Amino acid sequence: MTTAEDDLRERVQKLLASHDPQGDRMEFLRAQFDTGLAWVHFPAGLGGLDAPRALQAVVDAELAAAGAPNNDPRRIGIGLG
């Protein structure tokens, strides 16, 4: 386990402590974006932390274990009804 992974796990735990992953989906995803955990490889302030892309798997695993909503950018609702 690396320091970067530990840091990300700590950030995820803070996010989960302050925002209910079972609550409002969009509120949680906005908070995830604001904390840089949406796409960790994106620039800071734009949903990321300027971290290596491979570290997104750490965030995704922690959030999935907590039952958080999926942040898959390929999932859009346009034209679905």
C-alpha atoms as a PDB file:
ATOM      1  CA  MET A   1       0.000   0.000   0.000  1.00  0.00           C
ATOM      2  CA  THR A   2       1.391   3.373  -0.970  1.00  0.00           C
ATOM      3  CA  THR A   3       1.089   6.733   0.680  1.00  0.00           C
ATOM      4  CA  ALA A   4      -0.949   7.984  -2.291  1.00  0.00           C
ATOM      5  CA  GLU A   5      -3.404   5.116  -1.849  1.00  0.00           C
ATOM      6  CA  ASP A   6      -3.654   5.799   1.880  1.00  0.00           C
ATOM      7  CA  ASP A   7      -4.306   9.471   1.182  1.00  0.00           C
ATOM      8  CA  LEU A   8      -7.068   8.625  -1.271  1.00  0.00           C
ATOM      9  CA  ARG A   9      -8.695   6.182   1.134  1.00  0.00           C
ATOM     10  CA  GLU A  10      -8.654   8.862   3.819  1.00  0.00           C
ATOM     11  CA  ARG A  11     -10.233  11.372   1.424  1.00  0.00           C
ATOM     12  CA  VAL A  12     -12.929   8.853   0.512  1.00  0.00           C
ATOM     13  CA  GLN A  13     -13.679   8.193   4.180  1.00  0.00           C
ATOM     14  CA  LYS A  14     -14.042  11.934   4.803  1.00  0.00           C
ATOM     15  CA  LEU A  15     -16.391  12.194   1.833  1.00  0.00           C
ATOM     16  CA  LEU A  16     -18.475   9.284   3.099  1.00  0.00           C
ATOM     17  CA  ALA A  17     -18.575  10.739   6.608  1.00  0.00           C
ATOM     18  CA  SER A  18     -19.863  14.078   5.377  1.00  0.00           C
ATOM     19  CA  HIS A  19     -22.190  12.911   2.569  1.00  0.00           C
ATOM     20  CA  ASP A  20     -24.551   9.956   2.712  1.00  0.00           C
ATOM     21  CA  PRO A  21     -23.807   7.676  -0.252  1.00  0.00           C
ATOM     22  CA  GLN A  22     -27.355   6.317   0.006  1.00  0.00           C
ATOM     23  CA  GLY A  23     -28.900   9.788  -0.035  1.00  0.00           C
ATOM     24  CA  ASP A  24     -29.397  12.146  -2.950  1.00  0.00           C
ATOM     25  CA  ARG A  25     -27.350  10.777  -5.860  1.00  0.00           C
ATOM     26  CA  MET A  26     -26.528  14.119  -7.468  1.00  0.00           C
ATOM     27  CA  GLU A  27     -25.586  15.729  -4.169  1.00  0.00           C
ATOM     28  CA  PHE A  28     -23.144  12.916  -3.493  1.00  0.00           C
ATOM     29  CA  LEU A  29     -21.650  13.055  -6.991  1.00  0.00           C
ATOM     30  CA  ARG A  30     -21.225  16.833  -6.717  1.00  0.00           C
ATOM     31  CA  ALA A  31     -19.419  16.399  -3.417  1.00  0.00           C
ATOM     32  CA  GLN A  32     -17.246  13.703  -4.985  1.00  0.00           C
ATOM     33  CA  PHE A  33     -16.358  16.127  -7.784  1.00  0.00           C
ATOM     34  CA  ASP A  34     -15.660  18.968  -5.355  1.00  0.00           C
ATOM     35  CA  THR A  35     -13.283  16.810  -3.310  1.00  0.00           C
ATOM     36  CA  GLY A  36     -11.336  15.744  -6.402  1.00  0.00           C
ATOM     37  CA  LEU A  37     -12.493  12.153  -6.258  1.00  0.00           C
ATOM     38  CA  ALA A  38     -14.591  12.119  -9.421  1.00  0.00           C
ATOM     39  CA  TRP A  39     -11.654  11.422 -11.742  1.00  0.00           C
ATOM     40  CA  VAL A  40      -8.420  11.647  -9.767  1.00  0.00           C
ATOM     41  CA  HIS A  41      -6.315  12.074 -12.908  1.00  0.00           C
ATOM     42  CA  PHE A  42      -8.133  15.292 -13.845  1.00  0.00           C
ATOM     43  CA  PRO A  43      -6.657  18.633 -12.750  1.00  0.00           C
ATOM     44  CA  ALA A  44      -7.320  19.852  -9.229  1.00  0.00           C
ATOM     45  CA  GLY A  45     -10.447  21.982  -9.211  1.00  0.00           C
ATOM     46  CA  LEU A  46     -11.910  20.097 -12.162  1.00  0.00           C
ATOM     47  CA  GLY A  47     -12.980  16.942 -10.352  1.00  0.00           C
ATOM     48  CA  GLY A  48      -9.499  15.551  -9.867  1.00  0.00           C
ATOM     49  CA  LEU A  49      -6.280  15.710  -7.902  1.00  0.00           C
ATOM     50  CA  ASP A  50      -3.636  15.579 -10.658  1.00  0.00           C
ATOM     51  CA  ALA A  51      -2.975  11.990  -9.569  1.00  0.00           C
ATOM     52  CA  PRO A  52      -2.097   9.002 -11.753  1.00  0.00           C
ATOM     53  CA  ARG A  53      -5.122   7.510 -13.521  1.00  0.00           C
ATOM     54  CA  ALA A  54      -4.415   4.087 -11.989  1.00  0.00           C
ATOM     55  CA  LEU A  55      -5.342   5.431  -8.550  1.00  0.00           C
ATOM     56  CA  GLN A  56      -8.965   5.878  -9.628  1.00  0.00           C
ATOM     57  CA  ALA A  57      -9.405   2.152  -8.982  1.00  0.00           C
ATOM     58  CA  VAL A  58      -8.648   2.743  -5.287  1.00  0.00           C
ATOM     59  CA  VAL A  59     -11.346   5.409  -5.065  1.00  0.00           C
ATOM     60  CA  ASP A  60     -13.864   3.378  -7.044  1.00  0.00           C
ATOM     61  CA  ALA A  61     -13.353   0.287  -4.877  1.00  0.00           C
ATOM     62  CA  GLU A  62     -13.810   2.232  -1.641  1.00  0.00           C
ATOM     63  CA  LEU A  63     -16.936   3.971  -2.918  1.00  0.00           C
ATOM     64  CA  ALA A  64     -18.430   0.752  -4.297  1.00  0.00           C
ATOM     65  CA  ALA A  65     -17.877  -0.975  -0.957  1.00  0.00           C
ATOM     66  CA  ALA A  66     -19.845   1.829   0.700  1.00  0.00           C
ATOM     67  CA  GLY A  67     -22.682   1.545  -1.819  1.00  0.00           C
ATOM     68  CA  ALA A  68     -22.015   4.961  -3.324  1.00  0.00           C
ATOM     69  CA  PRO A  69     -23.541   5.861  -6.691  1.00  0.00           C
ATOM     70  CA  ASN A  70     -21.536   5.044  -9.788  1.00  0.00           C
ATOM     71  CA  ASN A  71     -19.733   7.971 -11.381  1.00  0.00           C
ATOM     72  CA  ASP A  72     -19.365   6.362 -14.803  1.00  0.00           C
ATOM     73  CA  PRO A  73     -19.011   9.248 -17.287  1.00  0.00           C
ATOM     74  CA  ARG A  74     -20.290   7.036 -20.105  1.00  0.00           C
ATOM     75  CA  ARG A  75     -23.697   6.848 -18.442  1.00  0.00           C
ATOM     76  CA  ILE A  76     -25.932   9.659 -19.587  1.00  0.00           C
ATOM     77  CA  GLY A  77     -29.671  10.031 -19.459  1.00  0.00           C
ATOM     78  CA  ILE A  78     -30.238  11.890 -22.716  1.00  0.00           C
ATOM     79  CA  GLY A  79     -32.827  10.227 -24.896  1.00  0.00           C
ATOM     80  CA  LEU A  80     -33.763   7.529 -22.418  1.00  0.00           C
ATOM     81  CA  GLY A  81     -37.349   8.451 -22.085  1.00  0.00           C
END
